[in-house]
Amino acid sequence: MSVNSVTLVGYLGRTPEERVTQSGKTLCKMSLATQRWDKDKGEKVADWHNVIAWEKQAEKCLKYLDKGSQIAVEGRIQTSKLDGKDGKPKYWTQVVAWRVTFLGGGRGRDGRPGARSAGTMSGPAVVSGTSHPIDDDIPF
């Protein structure tokens, strides 16, 4: 048996980006920061995670989230490969979200604190065609 599941809680490092695939599917790219204790450094350090959400879930993220928003993401880890402009393969890892929960923190796109702090959006666990090449080199 194998399991590919991840749960992350953190803050968005920038405003989510909208992308539309060649087939017309909407996706939302997000950069999520989580914290962990680094025992060698003796301090908290940030880990950055590339997250994508698809279709209706993406539309809600784009509408309600902004830089600094706190979210919880449940999804699966996916590593993708794309040949770069120089012909060399480029690899990147991202979390494909099947659930994004708005937790509060930061400001919504309308500028009000906590404006998008309520609500859970669920998308399908597996979205067909989730390995779409994205038009820029990689990843965020």
N, C-alpha and C. Protein backbone atom coordinates (compact mmCIF):
# COMPACT_ATOMS: atom_id res chain seq x y z
N MET A 1 0.84 -1.18 0.00
CA MET A 1 0.00 0.00 0.00
C MET A 1 0.89 1.24 0.00
N SER A 2 0.47 2.26 -0.73
CA SER A 2 1.18 3.53 -0.69
C SER A 2 0.17 4.66 -0.55
N VAL A 3 0.59 5.73 0.08
CA VAL A 3 -0.28 6.87 0.32
C VAL A 3 0.47 8.14 -0.08
N ASN A 4 -0.19 9.00 -0.80
CA ASN A 4 0.37 10.30 -1.18
C ASN A 4 -0.60 11.35 -0.68
N SER A 5 -0.36 11.85 0.53
CA SER A 5 -1.25 12.81 1.14
C SER A 5 -0.43 13.78 1.98
N VAL A 6 -0.79 15.06 1.91
CA VAL A 6 -0.08 16.07 2.69
C VAL A 6 -1.10 17.07 3.23
N THR A 7 -0.85 17.55 4.44
CA THR A 7 -1.65 18.62 5.03
C THR A 7 -0.68 19.70 5.49
N LEU A 8 -0.93 20.93 5.04
CA LEU A 8 -0.08 22.06 5.38
C LEU A 8 -0.93 23.21 5.90
N VAL A 9 -0.41 23.93 6.88
CA VAL A 9 -1.06 25.14 7.38
C VAL A 9 -0.01 26.24 7.35
N GLY A 10 -0.36 27.33 6.70
CA GLY A 10 0.61 28.43 6.60
C GLY A 10 -0.02 29.68 6.01
N TYR A 11 0.86 30.58 5.57
CA TYR A 11 0.45 31.88 5.04
C TYR A 11 0.90 32.03 3.60
N LEU A 12 0.07 32.67 2.79
CA LEU A 12 0.43 32.91 1.40
C LEU A 12 1.50 33.99 1.31
N GLY A 13 2.52 33.72 0.54
CA GLY A 13 3.64 34.64 0.40
C GLY A 13 3.41 35.71 -0.67
N ARG A 14 2.39 35.50 -1.50
CA ARG A 14 2.03 36.49 -2.53
C ARG A 14 0.58 36.26 -2.93
N THR A 15 0.05 37.20 -3.67
CA THR A 15 -1.32 37.08 -4.17
C THR A 15 -1.40 35.89 -5.12
N PRO A 16 -2.41 35.03 -4.96
CA PRO A 16 -2.56 33.87 -5.86
C PRO A 16 -2.64 34.32 -7.32
N GLU A 17 -2.08 33.48 -8.20
CA GLU A 17 -2.06 33.77 -9.64
C GLU A 17 -3.05 32.89 -10.37
N GLU A 18 -3.76 33.49 -11.31
CA GLU A 18 -4.69 32.73 -12.13
C GLU A 18 -4.01 32.29 -13.42
N ARG A 19 -4.25 31.07 -13.82
CA ARG A 19 -3.78 30.54 -15.10
C ARG A 19 -4.94 29.81 -15.74
N VAL A 20 -4.96 29.80 -17.04
CA VAL A 20 -5.96 29.04 -17.78
C VAL A 20 -5.20 28.13 -18.73
N THR A 21 -5.50 26.84 -18.69
CA THR A 21 -4.81 25.89 -19.55
C THR A 21 -5.30 26.03 -20.98
N GLN A 22 -4.59 25.40 -21.90
CA GLN A 22 -4.99 25.44 -23.30
C GLN A 22 -6.38 24.84 -23.50
N SER A 23 -6.78 23.93 -22.63
CA SER A 23 -8.11 23.33 -22.74
C SER A 23 -9.18 24.15 -22.01
N GLY A 24 -8.79 25.30 -21.44
CA GLY A 24 -9.76 26.20 -20.82
C GLY A 24 -10.01 25.98 -19.34
N LYS A 25 -9.23 25.11 -18.68
CA LYS A 25 -9.42 24.87 -17.25
C LYS A 25 -8.68 25.95 -16.45
N THR A 26 -9.35 26.44 -15.40
CA THR A 26 -8.76 27.46 -14.53
C THR A 26 -7.97 26.79 -13.43
N LEU A 27 -6.78 27.33 -13.17
CA LEU A 27 -6.00 26.88 -12.03
C LEU A 27 -5.48 28.09 -11.28
N CYS A 28 -5.24 27.89 -10.02
CA CYS A 28 -4.74 28.94 -9.14
C CYS A 28 -3.40 28.47 -8.58
N LYS A 29 -2.36 29.28 -8.79
CA LYS A 29 -1.04 28.98 -8.26
C LYS A 29 -0.82 29.80 -6.99
N MET A 30 -0.38 29.11 -5.94
CA MET A 30 -0.16 29.79 -4.66
C MET A 30 1.20 29.40 -4.10
N SER A 31 1.80 30.31 -3.37
CA SER A 31 3.07 30.07 -2.69
C SER A 31 2.80 30.12 -1.19
N LEU A 32 2.91 28.97 -0.52
CA LEU A 32 2.54 28.84 0.88
C LEU A 32 3.79 28.69 1.75
N ALA A 33 3.88 29.51 2.80
CA ALA A 33 5.00 29.42 3.74
C ALA A 33 4.53 28.72 5.01
N THR A 34 5.31 27.72 5.43
CA THR A 34 5.08 27.08 6.72
C THR A 34 6.34 27.28 7.56
N GLN A 35 6.20 27.12 8.87
CA GLN A 35 7.36 27.27 9.75
C GLN A 35 7.70 25.95 10.41
N ARG A 36 9.00 25.79 10.67
CA ARG A 36 9.47 24.64 11.43
C ARG A 36 10.67 25.09 12.25
N TRP A 37 10.96 24.32 13.26
CA TRP A 37 12.11 24.61 14.11
C TRP A 37 13.34 23.92 13.53
N ASP A 38 14.39 24.68 13.27
CA ASP A 38 15.65 24.12 12.79
C ASP A 38 16.57 23.99 14.00
N LYS A 39 16.79 22.74 14.44
CA LYS A 39 17.57 22.53 15.66
C LYS A 39 19.04 22.91 15.47
N ASP A 40 19.56 22.82 14.23
CA ASP A 40 20.95 23.21 13.99
C ASP A 40 21.13 24.72 14.09
N LYS A 41 20.18 25.47 13.58
CA LYS A 41 20.24 26.94 13.64
C LYS A 41 19.70 27.48 14.95
N GLY A 42 18.90 26.67 15.64
CA GLY A 42 18.31 27.12 16.90
C GLY A 42 17.25 28.19 16.70
N GLU A 43 16.54 28.14 15.57
CA GLU A 43 15.52 29.15 15.28
C GLU A 43 14.47 28.59 14.33
N LYS A 44 13.37 29.34 14.21
CA LYS A 44 12.33 28.97 13.26
C LYS A 44 12.80 29.33 11.85
N VAL A 45 12.48 28.48 10.90
CA VAL A 45 12.78 28.75 9.50
C VAL A 45 11.52 28.53 8.68
N ALA A 46 11.45 29.18 7.55
CA ALA A 46 10.29 29.04 6.66
C ALA A 46 10.59 28.01 5.58
N ASP A 47 9.62 27.19 5.30
CA ASP A 47 9.65 26.30 4.15
C ASP A 47 8.58 26.80 3.19
N TRP A 48 8.91 26.86 1.91
CA TRP A 48 7.97 27.35 0.90
C TRP A 48 7.45 26.18 0.07
N HIS A 49 6.15 26.21 -0.19
CA HIS A 49 5.48 25.13 -0.92
C HIS A 49 4.69 25.71 -2.08
N ASN A 50 4.85 25.13 -3.25
CA ASN A 50 4.06 25.51 -4.41
C ASN A 50 2.76 24.71 -4.36
N VAL A 51 1.63 25.41 -4.43
CA VAL A 51 0.32 24.79 -4.32
C VAL A 51 -0.51 25.18 -5.53
N ILE A 52 -1.24 24.22 -6.09
CA ILE A 52 -2.19 24.56 -7.15
C ILE A 52 -3.57 24.01 -6.79
N ALA A 53 -4.57 24.79 -7.16
CA ALA A 53 -5.97 24.38 -7.01
C ALA A 53 -6.62 24.52 -8.38
N TRP A 54 -7.63 23.70 -8.64
CA TRP A 54 -8.25 23.65 -9.96
C TRP A 54 -9.72 24.06 -9.92
N GLU A 55 -10.18 24.55 -11.07
CA GLU A 55 -11.59 24.78 -11.39
C GLU A 55 -12.30 25.64 -10.34
N LYS A 56 -13.44 25.19 -9.79
CA LYS A 56 -14.24 26.00 -8.87
C LYS A 56 -13.45 26.37 -7.62
N GLN A 57 -12.65 25.43 -7.12
CA GLN A 57 -11.82 25.71 -5.96
C GLN A 57 -10.83 26.83 -6.27
N ALA A 58 -10.25 26.79 -7.47
CA ALA A 58 -9.31 27.84 -7.90
C ALA A 58 -10.01 29.19 -7.95
N GLU A 59 -11.22 29.21 -8.49
CA GLU A 59 -11.97 30.47 -8.60
C GLU A 59 -12.23 31.08 -7.23
N LYS A 60 -12.57 30.25 -6.24
CA LYS A 60 -12.81 30.76 -4.89
C LYS A 60 -11.52 31.28 -4.26
N CYS A 61 -10.43 30.56 -4.46
CA CYS A 61 -9.14 31.03 -3.93
C CYS A 61 -8.76 32.37 -4.54
N LEU A 62 -8.94 32.49 -5.85
CA LEU A 62 -8.61 33.74 -6.53
C LEU A 62 -9.49 34.89 -6.07
N LYS A 63 -10.73 34.60 -5.75
CA LYS A 63 -11.66 35.64 -5.32
C LYS A 63 -11.40 36.12 -3.90
N TYR A 64 -11.08 35.19 -2.99
CA TYR A 64 -11.06 35.52 -1.57
C TYR A 64 -9.69 35.59 -0.91
N LEU A 65 -8.65 35.05 -1.53
CA LEU A 65 -7.34 35.01 -0.87
C LEU A 65 -6.43 36.09 -1.41
N ASP A 66 -5.50 36.50 -0.58
CA ASP A 66 -4.52 37.50 -0.95
C ASP A 66 -3.23 37.20 -0.19
N LYS A 67 -2.18 37.91 -0.52
CA LYS A 67 -0.91 37.76 0.20
C LYS A 67 -1.18 37.91 1.70
N GLY A 68 -0.63 36.98 2.48
CA GLY A 68 -0.79 37.02 3.93
C GLY A 68 -1.95 36.21 4.45
N SER A 69 -2.84 35.72 3.57
CA SER A 69 -3.97 34.91 4.02
C SER A 69 -3.46 33.61 4.64
N GLN A 70 -4.10 33.21 5.73
CA GLN A 70 -3.75 31.94 6.36
C GLN A 70 -4.71 30.86 5.86
N ILE A 71 -4.14 29.74 5.40
CA ILE A 71 -4.96 28.65 4.87
C ILE A 71 -4.42 27.31 5.34
N ALA A 72 -5.28 26.31 5.27
CA ALA A 72 -4.88 24.92 5.42
C ALA A 72 -5.11 24.26 4.07
N VAL A 73 -4.16 23.46 3.64
CA VAL A 73 -4.24 22.77 2.36
C VAL A 73 -4.12 21.28 2.60
N GLU A 74 -5.03 20.53 2.01
CA GLU A 74 -4.92 19.07 1.98
C GLU A 74 -4.81 18.68 0.53
N GLY A 75 -3.88 17.81 0.22
CA GLY A 75 -3.71 17.42 -1.17
C GLY A 75 -2.68 16.32 -1.33
N ARG A 76 -2.16 16.26 -2.54
CA ARG A 76 -1.16 15.25 -2.84
C ARG A 76 0.07 15.93 -3.43
N ILE A 77 1.22 15.31 -3.25
CA ILE A 77 2.47 15.83 -3.78
C ILE A 77 2.65 15.30 -5.19
N GLN A 78 3.03 16.19 -6.09
CA GLN A 78 3.24 15.81 -7.48
C GLN A 78 4.54 16.44 -7.97
N THR A 79 5.39 15.63 -8.56
CA THR A 79 6.61 16.13 -9.18
C THR A 79 6.43 16.07 -10.69
N SER A 80 6.74 17.17 -11.35
CA SER A 80 6.55 17.27 -12.80
C SER A 80 7.87 17.58 -13.49
N LYS A 81 7.92 17.25 -14.76
CA LYS A 81 9.11 17.49 -15.57
C LYS A 81 8.68 18.21 -16.84
N LEU A 82 9.49 19.18 -17.23
CA LEU A 82 9.25 19.92 -18.46
C LEU A 82 10.61 20.25 -19.06
N ASP A 83 10.75 20.11 -20.36
CA ASP A 83 12.01 20.48 -20.99
C ASP A 83 12.10 22.00 -21.05
N GLY A 84 13.21 22.53 -20.53
CA GLY A 84 13.42 23.96 -20.52
C GLY A 84 13.80 24.48 -21.90
N LYS A 85 13.87 25.79 -22.00
CA LYS A 85 14.23 26.44 -23.27
C LYS A 85 15.62 26.02 -23.74
N ASP A 86 16.47 25.66 -22.77
CA ASP A 86 17.83 25.22 -23.11
C ASP A 86 17.90 23.73 -23.45
N GLY A 87 16.73 23.07 -23.44
CA GLY A 87 16.68 21.64 -23.77
C GLY A 87 16.91 20.72 -22.58
N LYS A 88 17.32 21.28 -21.45
CA LYS A 88 17.56 20.48 -20.26
C LYS A 88 16.25 20.29 -19.50
N PRO A 89 16.05 19.11 -18.90
CA PRO A 89 14.82 18.90 -18.15
C PRO A 89 14.78 19.76 -16.89
N LYS A 90 13.60 20.26 -16.58
CA LYS A 90 13.36 21.04 -15.36
C LYS A 90 12.34 20.26 -14.54
N TYR A 91 12.61 20.13 -13.26
CA TYR A 91 11.73 19.40 -12.36
C TYR A 91 11.23 20.36 -11.29
N TRP A 92 9.99 20.16 -10.86
CA TRP A 92 9.47 20.91 -9.73
C TRP A 92 8.43 20.06 -9.02
N THR A 93 8.27 20.37 -7.74
CA THR A 93 7.33 19.65 -6.91
C THR A 93 6.27 20.63 -6.43
N GLN A 94 5.03 20.18 -6.45
CA GLN A 94 3.94 21.03 -6.00
C GLN A 94 2.91 20.19 -5.26
N VAL A 95 2.08 20.87 -4.51
CA VAL A 95 0.96 20.22 -3.84
C VAL A 95 -0.28 20.49 -4.67
N VAL A 96 -0.94 19.44 -5.11
CA VAL A 96 -2.20 19.58 -5.84
C VAL A 96 -3.30 19.48 -4.78
N ALA A 97 -3.97 20.61 -4.52
CA ALA A 97 -4.94 20.68 -3.43
C ALA A 97 -6.26 20.02 -3.79
N TRP A 98 -6.76 19.21 -2.88
CA TRP A 98 -8.13 18.74 -3.05
C TRP A 98 -9.03 19.42 -2.03
N ARG A 99 -8.44 20.09 -1.05
CA ARG A 99 -9.24 20.89 -0.10
C ARG A 99 -8.39 22.07 0.36
N VAL A 100 -8.99 23.26 0.32
CA VAL A 100 -8.36 24.47 0.86
C VAL A 100 -9.33 25.05 1.87
N THR A 101 -8.85 25.27 3.09
CA THR A 101 -9.68 25.84 4.15
C THR A 101 -9.13 27.21 4.49
N PHE A 102 -10.01 28.21 4.46
CA PHE A 102 -9.62 29.57 4.82
C PHE A 102 -9.61 29.68 6.34
N LEU A 103 -8.50 30.10 6.90
CA LEU A 103 -8.36 30.16 8.35
C LEU A 103 -8.37 31.57 8.90
N GLY A 104 -8.21 32.57 8.08
CA GLY A 104 -8.15 33.94 8.56
C GLY A 104 -6.73 34.43 8.50
N GLY A 105 -6.51 35.60 9.05
CA GLY A 105 -5.20 36.22 9.00
C GLY A 105 -5.03 36.97 7.69
N GLY A 106 -4.31 38.05 7.71
CA GLY A 106 -4.14 38.85 6.51
C GLY A 106 -5.41 39.59 6.16
N ARG A 107 -5.52 40.04 4.92
CA ARG A 107 -6.67 40.78 4.45
C ARG A 107 -7.19 40.17 3.17
N GLY A 108 -8.48 40.25 2.97
CA GLY A 108 -9.09 39.78 1.73
C GLY A 108 -8.82 40.77 0.62
N ARG A 109 -9.19 40.41 -0.58
CA ARG A 109 -8.96 41.29 -1.73
C ARG A 109 -9.76 42.57 -1.63
N ASP A 110 -10.82 42.60 -0.80
CA ASP A 110 -11.58 43.83 -0.63
C ASP A 110 -10.96 44.72 0.44
N GLY A 111 -9.84 44.28 1.04
CA GLY A 111 -9.12 45.09 2.03
C GLY A 111 -9.59 44.93 3.45
N ARG A 112 -10.68 44.22 3.69
CA ARG A 112 -11.19 44.05 5.05
C ARG A 112 -10.47 42.91 5.76
N PRO A 113 -10.08 43.11 7.03
CA PRO A 113 -9.45 42.02 7.76
C PRO A 113 -10.41 40.85 7.91
N GLY A 114 -9.89 39.64 7.72
CA GLY A 114 -10.69 38.45 7.93
C GLY A 114 -11.85 38.28 6.96
N ALA A 115 -11.88 39.02 5.86
CA ALA A 115 -13.01 39.00 4.95
C ALA A 115 -13.26 37.62 4.37
N ARG A 116 -12.24 36.82 4.23
CA ARG A 116 -12.40 35.50 3.66
C ARG A 116 -12.02 34.43 4.68
N SER A 117 -12.33 34.71 5.94
CA SER A 117 -11.87 33.80 6.98
C SER A 117 -12.78 32.60 7.18
N ALA A 118 -13.94 32.58 6.58
CA ALA A 118 -14.84 31.44 6.79
C ALA A 118 -15.00 30.66 5.50
N GLY A 119 -15.10 29.37 5.65
CA GLY A 119 -15.45 28.56 4.49
C GLY A 119 -14.40 27.54 4.13
N THR A 120 -14.87 26.42 3.67
CA THR A 120 -14.02 25.36 3.17
C THR A 120 -14.46 25.06 1.77
N MET A 121 -13.52 24.89 0.88
CA MET A 121 -13.84 24.55 -0.49
C MET A 121 -13.24 23.21 -0.78
N SER A 122 -14.02 22.35 -1.32
CA SER A 122 -13.51 21.03 -1.65
C SER A 122 -13.59 20.81 -3.14
N GLY A 123 -12.55 20.25 -3.68
CA GLY A 123 -12.53 19.89 -5.08
C GLY A 123 -12.31 18.39 -5.17
N PRO A 124 -12.28 17.88 -6.36
CA PRO A 124 -12.07 16.45 -6.50
C PRO A 124 -10.69 16.03 -6.04
N ALA A 125 -10.59 14.81 -5.52
CA ALA A 125 -9.30 14.30 -5.06
C ALA A 125 -8.33 14.13 -6.21
N VAL A 126 -8.84 13.77 -7.36
CA VAL A 126 -8.00 13.63 -8.53
C VAL A 126 -8.67 14.38 -9.67
N VAL A 127 -7.99 15.37 -10.21
CA VAL A 127 -8.52 16.14 -11.33
C VAL A 127 -7.87 15.60 -12.58
N SER A 128 -8.66 15.27 -13.57
CA SER A 128 -8.06 14.71 -14.79
C SER A 128 -7.17 15.75 -15.44
N GLY A 129 -6.02 15.32 -15.87
CA GLY A 129 -5.09 16.22 -16.55
C GLY A 129 -4.37 17.17 -15.62
N THR A 130 -4.07 16.78 -14.40
CA THR A 130 -3.43 17.69 -13.46
C THR A 130 -1.95 17.92 -13.75
N SER A 131 -1.41 17.26 -14.76
CA SER A 131 0.00 17.48 -15.06
C SER A 131 0.17 18.40 -16.27
N HIS A 132 -0.74 19.39 -16.38
CA HIS A 132 -0.64 20.34 -17.49
C HIS A 132 0.68 21.08 -17.42
N PRO A 133 1.39 21.21 -18.55
CA PRO A 133 2.55 22.10 -18.52
C PRO A 133 2.08 23.53 -18.37
N ILE A 134 2.77 24.26 -17.57
CA ILE A 134 2.42 25.65 -17.33
C ILE A 134 3.33 26.51 -18.19
N ASP A 135 2.79 27.62 -18.74
CA ASP A 135 3.50 28.33 -19.78
C ASP A 135 4.82 28.97 -19.40
N ASP A 136 5.12 29.17 -18.16
CA ASP A 136 6.45 29.67 -17.84
C ASP A 136 7.34 28.51 -17.42
N ASP A 137 8.64 28.76 -17.32
CA ASP A 137 9.58 27.67 -17.08
C ASP A 137 9.24 26.86 -15.84
N ILE A 138 9.24 27.42 -14.66
CA ILE A 138 8.85 26.74 -13.46
C ILE A 138 9.07 27.62 -12.26
N PRO A 139 8.59 27.10 -11.20
CA PRO A 139 7.23 26.70 -11.06
C PRO A 139 6.41 27.86 -10.57
N PHE A 140 6.96 28.71 -9.72
CA PHE A 140 6.14 29.84 -9.23
C PHE A 140 6.87 31.11 -9.43
